[in-house]
mmCIF file of all heavy atoms, coordinates in Angstrom:
data_MODEL
# 
_entry.id   MODEL 
# 
loop_
_atom_site.group_PDB 
_atom_site.id 
_atom_site.type_symbol 
_atom_site.label_atom_id 
_atom_site.label_alt_id 
_atom_site.label_comp_id 
_atom_site.label_asym_id 
_atom_site.label_entity_id 
_atom_site.label_seq_id 
_atom_site.pdbx_PDB_ins_code 
_atom_site.Cartn_x 
_atom_site.Cartn_y 
_atom_site.Cartn_z 
_atom_site.occupancy 
_atom_site.B_iso_or_equiv 
_atom_site.pdbx_formal_charge 
_atom_site.auth_seq_id 
_atom_site.auth_comp_id 
_atom_site.auth_asym_id 
_atom_site.auth_atom_id 
_atom_site.pdbx_PDB_model_num 
ATOM 1   N N   . PRO A 1 1  ? 0.482   -45.480 -17.219 1.00 0.00 ? 1  PRO A N   1 
ATOM 2   C CA  . PRO A 1 1  ? -0.902  -45.962 -17.249 1.00 0.00 ? 1  PRO A CA  1 
ATOM 3   C C   . PRO A 1 1  ? -1.074  -47.395 -16.760 1.00 0.00 ? 1  PRO A C   1 
ATOM 4   O O   . PRO A 1 1  ? -2.201  -47.813 -16.460 1.00 0.00 ? 1  PRO A O   1 
ATOM 5   C CB  . PRO A 1 1  ? -1.277  -45.855 -18.729 1.00 0.00 ? 1  PRO A CB  1 
ATOM 6   C CG  . PRO A 1 1  ? 0.024   -46.007 -19.455 1.00 0.00 ? 1  PRO A CG  1 
ATOM 7   C CD  . PRO A 1 1  ? 1.047   -45.332 -18.579 1.00 0.00 ? 1  PRO A CD  1 
ATOM 8   N N   . GLU A 1 2  ? 0.003   -48.170 -16.670 1.00 0.00 ? 2  GLU A N   1 
ATOM 9   C CA  . GLU A 1 2  ? -0.144  -49.568 -16.272 1.00 0.00 ? 2  GLU A CA  1 
ATOM 10  C C   . GLU A 1 2  ? -0.754  -49.713 -14.871 1.00 0.00 ? 2  GLU A C   1 
ATOM 11  O O   . GLU A 1 2  ? -1.677  -50.512 -14.683 1.00 0.00 ? 2  GLU A O   1 
ATOM 12  C CB  . GLU A 1 2  ? 1.199   -50.289 -16.350 1.00 0.00 ? 2  GLU A CB  1 
ATOM 13  C CG  . GLU A 1 2  ? 1.080   -51.788 -16.093 1.00 0.00 ? 2  GLU A CG  1 
ATOM 14  C CD  . GLU A 1 2  ? 2.405   -52.517 -16.259 1.00 0.00 ? 2  GLU A CD  1 
ATOM 15  O OE1 . GLU A 1 2  ? 3.263   -52.005 -17.001 1.00 0.00 ? 2  GLU A OE1 1 
ATOM 16  O OE2 . GLU A 1 2  ? 2.568   -53.579 -15.656 1.00 0.00 ? 2  GLU A OE2 1 
ATOM 17  N N   . PRO A 1 3  ? -0.276  -48.973 -13.853 1.00 0.00 ? 3  PRO A N   1 
ATOM 18  C CA  . PRO A 1 3  ? -0.930  -49.066 -12.541 1.00 0.00 ? 3  PRO A CA  1 
ATOM 19  C C   . PRO A 1 3  ? -2.399  -48.654 -12.589 1.00 0.00 ? 3  PRO A C   1 
ATOM 20  O O   . PRO A 1 3  ? -3.229  -49.207 -11.858 1.00 0.00 ? 3  PRO A O   1 
ATOM 21  C CB  . PRO A 1 3  ? -0.108  -48.109 -11.668 1.00 0.00 ? 3  PRO A CB  1 
ATOM 22  C CG  . PRO A 1 3  ? 1.221   -48.040 -12.325 1.00 0.00 ? 3  PRO A CG  1 
ATOM 23  C CD  . PRO A 1 3  ? 0.942   -48.145 -13.785 1.00 0.00 ? 3  PRO A CD  1 
ATOM 24  N N   . LEU A 1 4  ? -2.733  -47.688 -13.440 1.00 0.00 ? 4  LEU A N   1 
ATOM 25  C CA  . LEU A 1 4  ? -4.140  -47.300 -13.585 1.00 0.00 ? 4  LEU A CA  1 
ATOM 26  C C   . LEU A 1 4  ? -4.963  -48.464 -14.104 1.00 0.00 ? 4  LEU A C   1 
ATOM 27  O O   . LEU A 1 4  ? -6.076  -48.725 -13.613 1.00 0.00 ? 4  LEU A O   1 
ATOM 28  C CB  . LEU A 1 4  ? -4.256  -46.099 -14.519 1.00 0.00 ? 4  LEU A CB  1 
ATOM 29  C CG  . LEU A 1 4  ? -5.687  -45.699 -14.896 1.00 0.00 ? 4  LEU A CG  1 
ATOM 30  C CD1 . LEU A 1 4  ? -6.467  -45.258 -13.667 1.00 0.00 ? 4  LEU A CD1 1 
ATOM 31  C CD2 . LEU A 1 4  ? -5.671  -44.593 -15.945 1.00 0.00 ? 4  LEU A CD2 1 
ATOM 32  N N   . GLY A 1 5  ? -4.433  -49.174 -15.098 1.00 0.00 ? 5  GLY A N   1 
ATOM 33  C CA  . GLY A 1 5  ? -5.155  -50.343 -15.609 1.00 0.00 ? 5  GLY A CA  1 
ATOM 34  C C   . GLY A 1 5  ? -5.386  -51.374 -14.529 1.00 0.00 ? 5  GLY A C   1 
ATOM 35  O O   . GLY A 1 5  ? -6.459  -51.995 -14.451 1.00 0.00 ? 5  GLY A O   1 
ATOM 36  N N   . PHE A 1 6  ? -4.378  -51.568 -13.656 1.00 0.00 ? 6  PHE A N   1 
ATOM 37  C CA  . PHE A 1 6  ? -4.526  -52.522 -12.553 1.00 0.00 ? 6  PHE A CA  1 
ATOM 38  C C   . PHE A 1 6  ? -5.581  -52.037 -11.567 1.00 0.00 ? 6  PHE A C   1 
ATOM 39  O O   . PHE A 1 6  ? -6.392  -52.824 -11.069 1.00 0.00 ? 6  PHE A O   1 
ATOM 40  C CB  . PHE A 1 6  ? -3.177  -52.707 -11.869 1.00 0.00 ? 6  PHE A CB  1 
ATOM 41  C CG  . PHE A 1 6  ? -3.157  -53.792 -10.818 1.00 0.00 ? 6  PHE A CG  1 
ATOM 42  C CD1 . PHE A 1 6  ? -3.837  -54.977 -10.988 1.00 0.00 ? 6  PHE A CD1 1 
ATOM 43  C CD2 . PHE A 1 6  ? -2.442  -53.613 -9.633  1.00 0.00 ? 6  PHE A CD2 1 
ATOM 44  C CE1 . PHE A 1 6  ? -3.812  -55.981 -10.021 1.00 0.00 ? 6  PHE A CE1 1 
ATOM 45  C CE2 . PHE A 1 6  ? -2.407  -54.592 -8.664  1.00 0.00 ? 6  PHE A CE2 1 
ATOM 46  C CZ  . PHE A 1 6  ? -3.093  -55.780 -8.853  1.00 0.00 ? 6  PHE A CZ  1 
ATOM 47  N N   . ALA A 1 7  ? -5.595  -50.734 -11.282 1.00 0.00 ? 7  ALA A N   1 
ATOM 48  C CA  . ALA A 1 7  ? -6.609  -50.177 -10.369 1.00 0.00 ? 7  ALA A CA  1 
ATOM 49  C C   . ALA A 1 7  ? -8.010  -50.416 -10.919 1.00 0.00 ? 7  ALA A C   1 
ATOM 50  O O   . ALA A 1 7  ? -8.934  -50.801 -10.180 1.00 0.00 ? 7  ALA A O   1 
ATOM 51  C CB  . ALA A 1 7  ? -6.361  -48.682 -10.164 1.00 0.00 ? 7  ALA A CB  1 
ATOM 52  N N   . LEU A 1 8  ? -8.188  -50.186 -12.208 1.00 0.00 ? 8  LEU A N   1 
ATOM 53  C CA  . LEU A 1 8  ? -9.503  -50.406 -12.819 1.00 0.00 ? 8  LEU A CA  1 
ATOM 54  C C   . LEU A 1 8  ? -9.893  -51.881 -12.781 1.00 0.00 ? 8  LEU A C   1 
ATOM 55  O O   . LEU A 1 8  ? -11.061 -52.224 -12.531 1.00 0.00 ? 8  LEU A O   1 
ATOM 56  C CB  . LEU A 1 8  ? -9.490  -49.901 -14.262 1.00 0.00 ? 8  LEU A CB  1 
ATOM 57  C CG  . LEU A 1 8  ? -9.427  -48.374 -14.425 1.00 0.00 ? 8  LEU A CG  1 
ATOM 58  C CD1 . LEU A 1 8  ? -9.055  -48.003 -15.848 1.00 0.00 ? 8  LEU A CD1 1 
ATOM 59  C CD2 . LEU A 1 8  ? -10.759 -47.744 -14.025 1.00 0.00 ? 8  LEU A CD2 1 
ATOM 60  N N   . GLU A 1 9  ? -8.926  -52.751 -13.006 1.00 0.00 ? 9  GLU A N   1 
ATOM 61  C CA  . GLU A 1 9  ? -9.197  -54.191 -12.958 1.00 0.00 ? 9  GLU A CA  1 
ATOM 62  C C   . GLU A 1 9  ? -9.618  -54.621 -11.556 1.00 0.00 ? 9  GLU A C   1 
ATOM 63  O O   . GLU A 1 9  ? -10.592 -55.371 -11.375 1.00 0.00 ? 9  GLU A O   1 
ATOM 64  C CB  . GLU A 1 9  ? -7.949  -54.949 -13.400 1.00 0.00 ? 9  GLU A CB  1 
ATOM 65  C CG  . GLU A 1 9  ? -8.135  -56.450 -13.512 1.00 0.00 ? 9  GLU A CG  1 
ATOM 66  C CD  . GLU A 1 9  ? -6.876  -57.149 -14.003 1.00 0.00 ? 9  GLU A CD  1 
ATOM 67  O OE1 . GLU A 1 9  ? -5.916  -56.457 -14.403 1.00 0.00 ? 9  GLU A OE1 1 
ATOM 68  O OE2 . GLU A 1 9  ? -6.852  -58.396 -13.973 1.00 0.00 ? 9  GLU A OE2 1 
ATOM 69  N N   . LEU A 1 10 ? -8.883  -54.149 -10.542 1.00 0.00 ? 10 LEU A N   1 
ATOM 70  C CA  . LEU A 1 10 ? -9.243  -54.475 -9.160  1.00 0.00 ? 10 LEU A CA  1 
ATOM 71  C C   . LEU A 1 10 ? -10.621 -53.927 -8.816  1.00 0.00 ? 10 LEU A C   1 
ATOM 72  O O   . LEU A 1 10 ? -11.411 -54.584 -8.115  1.00 0.00 ? 10 LEU A O   1 
ATOM 73  C CB  . LEU A 1 10 ? -8.203  -53.908 -8.199  1.00 0.00 ? 10 LEU A CB  1 
ATOM 74  C CG  . LEU A 1 10 ? -6.833  -54.596 -8.180  1.00 0.00 ? 10 LEU A CG  1 
ATOM 75  C CD1 . LEU A 1 10 ? -5.847  -53.784 -7.347  1.00 0.00 ? 10 LEU A CD1 1 
ATOM 76  C CD2 . LEU A 1 10 ? -6.946  -56.015 -7.622  1.00 0.00 ? 10 LEU A CD2 1 
ATOM 77  N N   . ALA A 1 11 ? -10.925 -52.720 -9.284  1.00 0.00 ? 11 ALA A N   1 
ATOM 78  C CA  . ALA A 1 11 ? -12.223 -52.117 -8.984  1.00 0.00 ? 11 ALA A CA  1 
ATOM 79  C C   . ALA A 1 11 ? -13.363 -52.917 -9.608  1.00 0.00 ? 11 ALA A C   1 
ATOM 80  O O   . ALA A 1 11 ? -14.432 -53.093 -8.995  1.00 0.00 ? 11 ALA A O   1 
ATOM 81  C CB  . ALA A 1 11 ? -12.248 -50.671 -9.476  1.00 0.00 ? 11 ALA A CB  1 
ATOM 82  N N   . GLU A 1 12 ? -13.156 -53.402 -10.826 1.00 0.00 ? 12 GLU A N   1 
ATOM 83  C CA  . GLU A 1 12 ? -14.182 -54.234 -11.459 1.00 0.00 ? 12 GLU A CA  1 
ATOM 84  C C   . GLU A 1 12 ? -14.402 -55.525 -10.681 1.00 0.00 ? 12 GLU A C   1 
ATOM 85  O O   . GLU A 1 12 ? -15.548 -55.960 -10.471 1.00 0.00 ? 12 GLU A O   1 
ATOM 86  C CB  . GLU A 1 12 ? -13.777 -54.531 -12.903 1.00 0.00 ? 12 GLU A CB  1 
ATOM 87  C CG  . GLU A 1 12 ? -13.845 -53.314 -13.816 1.00 0.00 ? 12 GLU A CG  1 
ATOM 88  C CD  . GLU A 1 12 ? -13.163 -53.546 -15.150 1.00 0.00 ? 12 GLU A CD  1 
ATOM 89  O OE1 . GLU A 1 12 ? -12.662 -54.667 -15.373 1.00 0.00 ? 12 GLU A OE1 1 
ATOM 90  O OE2 . GLU A 1 12 ? -13.112 -52.598 -15.964 1.00 0.00 ? 12 GLU A OE2 1 
ATOM 91  N N   . ASP A 1 13 ? -13.313 -56.149 -10.239 1.00 0.00 ? 13 ASP A N   1 
ATOM 92  C CA  . ASP A 1 13 ? -13.440 -57.363 -9.427  1.00 0.00 ? 13 ASP A CA  1 
ATOM 93  C C   . ASP A 1 13 ? -14.136 -57.057 -8.100  1.00 0.00 ? 13 ASP A C   1 
ATOM 94  O O   . ASP A 1 13 ? -14.941 -57.864 -7.607  1.00 0.00 ? 13 ASP A O   1 
ATOM 95  C CB  . ASP A 1 13 ? -12.059 -57.959 -9.155  1.00 0.00 ? 13 ASP A CB  1 
ATOM 96  C CG  . ASP A 1 13 ? -11.425 -58.565 -10.402 1.00 0.00 ? 13 ASP A CG  1 
ATOM 97  O OD1 . ASP A 1 13 ? -12.158 -58.823 -11.378 1.00 0.00 ? 13 ASP A OD1 1 
ATOM 98  O OD2 . ASP A 1 13 ? -10.196 -58.771 -10.397 1.00 0.00 ? 13 ASP A OD2 1 
ATOM 99  N N   . LEU A 1 14 ? -13.811 -55.915 -7.527  1.00 0.00 ? 14 LEU A N   1 
ATOM 100 C CA  . LEU A 1 14 ? -14.437 -55.505 -6.262  1.00 0.00 ? 14 LEU A CA  1 
ATOM 101 C C   . LEU A 1 14 ? -15.950 -55.439 -6.425  1.00 0.00 ? 14 LEU A C   1 
ATOM 102 O O   . LEU A 1 14 ? -16.711 -55.952 -5.584  1.00 0.00 ? 14 LEU A O   1 
ATOM 103 C CB  . LEU A 1 14 ? -13.861 -54.144 -5.848  1.00 0.00 ? 14 LEU A CB  1 
ATOM 104 C CG  . LEU A 1 14 ? -14.268 -53.495 -4.529  1.00 0.00 ? 14 LEU A CG  1 
ATOM 105 C CD1 . LEU A 1 14 ? -13.208 -52.471 -4.116  1.00 0.00 ? 14 LEU A CD1 1 
ATOM 106 C CD2 . LEU A 1 14 ? -15.620 -52.787 -4.613  1.00 0.00 ? 14 LEU A CD2 1 
ATOM 107 N N   . VAL A 1 15 ? -16.378 -54.800 -7.485  1.00 0.00 ? 15 VAL A N   1 
ATOM 108 C CA  . VAL A 1 15 ? -17.820 -54.680 -7.729  1.00 0.00 ? 15 VAL A CA  1 
ATOM 109 C C   . VAL A 1 15 ? -18.438 -56.049 -7.939  1.00 0.00 ? 15 VAL A C   1 
ATOM 110 O O   . VAL A 1 15 ? -19.502 -56.369 -7.383  1.00 0.00 ? 15 VAL A O   1 
ATOM 111 C CB  . VAL A 1 15 ? -18.076 -53.759 -8.938  1.00 0.00 ? 15 VAL A CB  1 
ATOM 112 C CG1 . VAL A 1 15 ? -19.540 -53.818 -9.369  1.00 0.00 ? 15 VAL A CG1 1 
ATOM 113 C CG2 . VAL A 1 15 ? -17.671 -52.326 -8.609  1.00 0.00 ? 15 VAL A CG2 1 
ATOM 114 N N   . ASP A 1 16 ? -17.795 -56.882 -8.729  1.00 0.00 ? 16 ASP A N   1 
ATOM 115 C CA  . ASP A 1 16 ? -18.345 -58.206 -9.026  1.00 0.00 ? 16 ASP A CA  1 
ATOM 116 C C   . ASP A 1 16 ? -18.486 -59.063 -7.772  1.00 0.00 ? 16 ASP A C   1 
ATOM 117 O O   . ASP A 1 16 ? -19.458 -59.819 -7.638  1.00 0.00 ? 16 ASP A O   1 
ATOM 118 C CB  . ASP A 1 16 ? -17.444 -58.936 -10.034 1.00 0.00 ? 16 ASP A CB  1 
ATOM 119 C CG  . ASP A 1 16 ? -17.523 -58.337 -11.427 1.00 0.00 ? 16 ASP A CG  1 
ATOM 120 O OD1 . ASP A 1 16 ? -18.475 -57.586 -11.697 1.00 0.00 ? 16 ASP A OD1 1 
ATOM 121 O OD2 . ASP A 1 16 ? -16.610 -58.607 -12.239 1.00 0.00 ? 16 ASP A OD2 1 
ATOM 122 N N   . GLU A 1 17 ? -17.528 -58.960 -6.858  1.00 0.00 ? 17 GLU A N   1 
ATOM 123 C CA  . GLU A 1 17 ? -17.477 -59.915 -5.756  1.00 0.00 ? 17 GLU A CA  1 
ATOM 124 C C   . GLU A 1 17 ? -18.051 -59.405 -4.438  1.00 0.00 ? 17 GLU A C   1 
ATOM 125 O O   . GLU A 1 17 ? -18.445 -60.208 -3.593  1.00 0.00 ? 17 GLU A O   1 
ATOM 126 C CB  . GLU A 1 17 ? -16.025 -60.366 -5.548  1.00 0.00 ? 17 GLU A CB  1 
ATOM 127 C CG  . GLU A 1 17 ? -15.443 -61.029 -6.787  1.00 0.00 ? 17 GLU A CG  1 
ATOM 128 C CD  . GLU A 1 17 ? -14.199 -61.832 -6.491  1.00 0.00 ? 17 GLU A CD  1 
ATOM 129 O OE1 . GLU A 1 17 ? -14.113 -62.413 -5.391  1.00 0.00 ? 17 GLU A OE1 1 
ATOM 130 O OE2 . GLU A 1 17 ? -13.314 -61.885 -7.352  1.00 0.00 ? 17 GLU A OE2 1 
ATOM 131 N N   . PHE A 1 18 ? -18.114 -58.087 -4.253  1.00 0.00 ? 18 PHE A N   1 
ATOM 132 C CA  . PHE A 1 18 ? -18.510 -57.573 -2.938  1.00 0.00 ? 18 PHE A CA  1 
ATOM 133 C C   . PHE A 1 18 ? -19.732 -56.645 -2.977  1.00 0.00 ? 18 PHE A C   1 
ATOM 134 O O   . PHE A 1 18 ? -20.351 -56.410 -1.941  1.00 0.00 ? 18 PHE A O   1 
ATOM 135 C CB  . PHE A 1 18 ? -17.339 -56.826 -2.287  1.00 0.00 ? 18 PHE A CB  1 
ATOM 136 C CG  . PHE A 1 18 ? -16.111 -57.672 -2.114  1.00 0.00 ? 18 PHE A CG  1 
ATOM 137 C CD1 . PHE A 1 18 ? -15.067 -57.617 -3.023  1.00 0.00 ? 18 PHE A CD1 1 
ATOM 138 C CD2 . PHE A 1 18 ? -15.999 -58.555 -1.047  1.00 0.00 ? 18 PHE A CD2 1 
ATOM 139 C CE1 . PHE A 1 18 ? -13.935 -58.403 -2.878  1.00 0.00 ? 18 PHE A CE1 1 
ATOM 140 C CE2 . PHE A 1 18 ? -14.878 -59.350 -0.890  1.00 0.00 ? 18 PHE A CE2 1 
ATOM 141 C CZ  . PHE A 1 18 ? -13.847 -59.276 -1.807  1.00 0.00 ? 18 PHE A CZ  1 
ATOM 142 N N   . TYR A 1 19 ? -20.070 -56.112 -4.137  1.00 0.00 ? 19 TYR A N   1 
ATOM 143 C CA  . TYR A 1 19 ? -21.195 -55.184 -4.224  1.00 0.00 ? 19 TYR A CA  1 
ATOM 144 C C   . TYR A 1 19 ? -22.491 -55.951 -4.368  1.00 0.00 ? 19 TYR A C   1 
ATOM 145 O O   . TYR A 1 19 ? -22.607 -56.871 -5.175  1.00 0.00 ? 19 TYR A O   1 
ATOM 146 C CB  . TYR A 1 19 ? -21.015 -54.244 -5.414  1.00 0.00 ? 19 TYR A CB  1 
ATOM 147 C CG  . TYR A 1 19 ? -22.189 -53.325 -5.646  1.00 0.00 ? 19 TYR A CG  1 
ATOM 148 C CD1 . TYR A 1 19 ? -22.602 -52.425 -4.662  1.00 0.00 ? 19 TYR A CD1 1 
ATOM 149 C CD2 . TYR A 1 19 ? -22.889 -53.353 -6.858  1.00 0.00 ? 19 TYR A CD2 1 
ATOM 150 C CE1 . TYR A 1 19 ? -23.683 -51.578 -4.884  1.00 0.00 ? 19 TYR A CE1 1 
ATOM 151 C CE2 . TYR A 1 19 ? -23.962 -52.504 -7.085  1.00 0.00 ? 19 TYR A CE2 1 
ATOM 152 C CZ  . TYR A 1 19 ? -24.361 -51.624 -6.095  1.00 0.00 ? 19 TYR A CZ  1 
ATOM 153 O OH  . TYR A 1 19 ? -25.425 -50.794 -6.316  1.00 0.00 ? 19 TYR A OH  1 
ATOM 154 N N   . ASP A 1 20 ? -23.483 -55.565 -3.579  1.00 0.00 ? 20 ASP A N   1 
ATOM 155 C CA  . ASP A 1 20 ? -24.813 -56.155 -3.659  1.00 0.00 ? 20 ASP A CA  1 
ATOM 156 C C   . ASP A 1 20 ? -25.771 -55.064 -4.122  1.00 0.00 ? 20 ASP A C   1 
ATOM 157 O O   . ASP A 1 20 ? -26.083 -54.137 -3.368  1.00 0.00 ? 20 ASP A O   1 
ATOM 158 C CB  . ASP A 1 20 ? -25.240 -56.698 -2.294  1.00 0.00 ? 20 ASP A CB  1 
ATOM 159 C CG  . ASP A 1 20 ? -26.533 -57.496 -2.357  1.00 0.00 ? 20 ASP A CG  1 
ATOM 160 O OD1 . ASP A 1 20 ? -27.516 -56.965 -2.902  1.00 0.00 ? 20 ASP A OD1 1 
ATOM 161 O OD2 . ASP A 1 20 ? -26.567 -58.633 -1.846  1.00 0.00 ? 20 ASP A OD2 1 
ATOM 162 N N   . ALA A 1 21 ? -26.216 -55.151 -5.362  1.00 0.00 ? 21 ALA A N   1 
ATOM 163 C CA  . ALA A 1 21 ? -27.067 -54.106 -5.927  1.00 0.00 ? 21 ALA A CA  1 
ATOM 164 C C   . ALA A 1 21 ? -28.412 -54.028 -5.220  1.00 0.00 ? 21 ALA A C   1 
ATOM 165 O O   . ALA A 1 21 ? -28.981 -52.935 -5.077  1.00 0.00 ? 21 ALA A O   1 
ATOM 166 C CB  . ALA A 1 21 ? -27.270 -54.361 -7.424  1.00 0.00 ? 21 ALA A CB  1 
ATOM 167 N N   . ASP A 1 22 ? -28.932 -55.165 -4.769  1.00 0.00 ? 22 ASP A N   1 
ATOM 168 C CA  . ASP A 1 22 ? -30.224 -55.150 -4.078  1.00 0.00 ? 22 ASP A CA  1 
ATOM 169 C C   . ASP A 1 22 ? -30.128 -54.412 -2.747  1.00 0.00 ? 22 ASP A C   1 
ATOM 170 O O   . ASP A 1 22 ? -31.029 -53.655 -2.378  1.00 0.00 ? 22 ASP A O   1 
ATOM 171 C CB  . ASP A 1 22 ? -30.717 -56.580 -3.852  1.00 0.00 ? 22 ASP A CB  1 
ATOM 172 C CG  . ASP A 1 22 ? -31.066 -57.285 -5.146  1.00 0.00 ? 22 ASP A CG  1 
ATOM 173 O OD1 . ASP A 1 22 ? -31.420 -56.583 -6.113  1.00 0.00 ? 22 ASP A OD1 1 
ATOM 174 O OD2 . ASP A 1 22 ? -30.974 -58.525 -5.190  1.00 0.00 ? 22 ASP A OD2 1 
ATOM 175 N N   . ASP A 1 23 ? -29.018 -54.635 -2.026  1.00 0.00 ? 23 ASP A N   1 
ATOM 176 C CA  . ASP A 1 23 ? -28.846 -53.986 -0.726  1.00 0.00 ? 23 ASP A CA  1 
ATOM 177 C C   . ASP A 1 23 ? -28.224 -52.603 -0.837  1.00 0.00 ? 23 ASP A C   1 
ATOM 178 O O   . ASP A 1 23 ? -28.226 -51.837 0.126   1.00 0.00 ? 23 ASP A O   1 
ATOM 179 C CB  . ASP A 1 23 ? -27.974 -54.856 0.190   1.00 0.00 ? 23 ASP A CB  1 
ATOM 180 C CG  . ASP A 1 23 ? -28.663 -56.151 0.584   1.00 0.00 ? 23 ASP A CG  1 
ATOM 181 O OD1 . ASP A 1 23 ? -29.902 -56.221 0.455   1.00 0.00 ? 23 ASP A OD1 1 
ATOM 182 O OD2 . ASP A 1 23 ? -27.971 -57.083 1.022   1.00 0.00 ? 23 ASP A OD2 1 
ATOM 183 N N   . GLY A 1 24 ? -27.634 -52.304 -1.980  1.00 0.00 ? 24 GLY A N   1 
ATOM 184 C CA  . GLY A 1 24 ? -27.013 -50.999 -2.163  1.00 0.00 ? 24 GLY A CA  1 
ATOM 185 C C   . GLY A 1 24 ? -25.787 -50.789 -1.298  1.00 0.00 ? 24 GLY A C   1 
ATOM 186 O O   . GLY A 1 24 ? -25.522 -49.670 -0.848  1.00 0.00 ? 24 GLY A O   1 
ATOM 187 N N   . THR A 1 25 ? -25.037 -51.857 -1.060  1.00 0.00 ? 25 THR A N   1 
ATOM 188 C CA  . THR A 1 25 ? -23.854 -51.733 -0.212  1.00 0.00 ? 25 THR A CA  1 
ATOM 189 C C   . THR A 1 25 ? -22.741 -52.627 -0.731  1.00 0.00 ? 25 THR A C   1 
ATOM 190 O O   . THR A 1 25 ? -22.952 -53.458 -1.626  1.00 0.00 ? 25 THR A O   1 
ATOM 191 C CB  . THR A 1 25 ? -24.186 -52.092 1.246   1.00 0.00 ? 25 THR A CB  1 
ATOM 192 O OG1 . THR A 1 25 ? -23.122 -51.656 2.102   1.00 0.00 ? 25 THR A OG1 1 
ATOM 193 C CG2 . THR A 1 25 ? -24.398 -53.591 1.421   1.00 0.00 ? 25 THR A CG2 1 
ATOM 194 N N   . ILE A 1 26 ? -21.555 -52.441 -0.167  1.00 0.00 ? 26 ILE A N   1 
ATOM 195 C CA  . ILE A 1 26 ? -20.398 -53.263 -0.506  1.00 0.00 ? 26 ILE A CA  1 
ATOM 196 C C   . ILE A 1 26 ? -19.983 -54.001 0.760   1.00 0.00 ? 26 ILE A C   1 
ATOM 197 O O   . ILE A 1 26 ? -19.595 -53.378 1.757   1.00 0.00 ? 26 ILE A O   1 
ATOM 198 C CB  . ILE A 1 26 ? -19.231 -52.395 -1.025  1.00 0.00 ? 26 ILE A CB  1 
ATOM 199 C CG1 . ILE A 1 26 ? -19.683 -51.539 -2.210  1.00 0.00 ? 26 ILE A CG1 1 
ATOM 200 C CG2 . ILE A 1 26 ? -18.062 -53.278 -1.436  1.00 0.00 ? 26 ILE A CG2 1 
ATOM 201 C CD1 . ILE A 1 26 ? -18.638 -50.543 -2.680  1.00 0.00 ? 26 ILE A CD1 1 
ATOM 202 N N   . TYR A 1 27 ? -20.080 -55.311 0.741   1.00 0.00 ? 27 TYR A N   1 
ATOM 203 C CA  . TYR A 1 27 ? -19.777 -56.120 1.919   1.00 0.00 ? 27 TYR A CA  1 
ATOM 204 C C   . TYR A 1 27 ? -18.269 -56.369 2.031   1.00 0.00 ? 27 TYR A C   1 
ATOM 205 O O   . TYR A 1 27 ? -17.524 -56.258 1.052   1.00 0.00 ? 27 TYR A O   1 
ATOM 206 C CB  . TYR A 1 27 ? -20.524 -57.445 1.854   1.00 0.00 ? 27 TYR A CB  1 
ATOM 207 C CG  . TYR A 1 27 ? -22.003 -57.306 2.130   1.00 0.00 ? 27 TYR A CG  1 
ATOM 208 C CD1 . TYR A 1 27 ? -22.917 -57.212 1.084   1.00 0.00 ? 27 TYR A CD1 1 
ATOM 209 C CD2 . TYR A 1 27 ? -22.479 -57.245 3.432   1.00 0.00 ? 27 TYR A CD2 1 
ATOM 210 C CE1 . TYR A 1 27 ? -24.279 -57.075 1.337   1.00 0.00 ? 27 TYR A CE1 1 
ATOM 211 C CE2 . TYR A 1 27 ? -23.846 -57.110 3.693   1.00 0.00 ? 27 TYR A CE2 1 
ATOM 212 C CZ  . TYR A 1 27 ? -24.732 -57.016 2.641   1.00 0.00 ? 27 TYR A CZ  1 
ATOM 213 O OH  . TYR A 1 27 ? -26.070 -56.870 2.888   1.00 0.00 ? 27 TYR A OH  1 
ATOM 214 N N   . PHE A 1 28 ? -17.837 -56.721 3.217   1.00 0.00 ? 28 PHE A N   1 
ATOM 215 C CA  . PHE A 1 28 ? -16.422 -56.994 3.463   1.00 0.00 ? 28 PHE A CA  1 
ATOM 216 C C   . PHE A 1 28 ? -16.007 -58.354 2.915   1.00 0.00 ? 28 PHE A C   1 
ATOM 217 O O   . PHE A 1 28 ? -14.849 -58.561 2.559   1.00 0.00 ? 28 PHE A O   1 
ATOM 218 C CB  . PHE A 1 28 ? -16.141 -56.931 4.970   1.00 0.00 ? 28 PHE A CB  1 
ATOM 219 C CG  . PHE A 1 28 ? -14.683 -57.022 5.324   1.00 0.00 ? 28 PHE A CG  1 
ATOM 220 C CD1 . PHE A 1 28 ? -13.842 -55.940 5.144   1.00 0.00 ? 28 PHE A CD1 1 
ATOM 221 C CD2 . PHE A 1 28 ? -14.144 -58.197 5.825   1.00 0.00 ? 28 PHE A CD2 1 
ATOM 222 C CE1 . PHE A 1 28 ? -12.496 -56.021 5.454   1.00 0.00 ? 28 PHE A CE1 1 
ATOM 223 C CE2 . PHE A 1 28 ? -12.800 -58.293 6.150   1.00 0.00 ? 28 PHE A CE2 1 
ATOM 224 C CZ  . PHE A 1 28 ? -11.968 -57.200 5.962   1.00 0.00 ? 28 PHE A CZ  1 
# 
């Protein structure tokens, strides 16, 4: 499960830093 925890952590950071809810997209 440890790699899964890391995947979830990275995904949360991805959303925080690259997802724009107003535009409905994920920027590079």
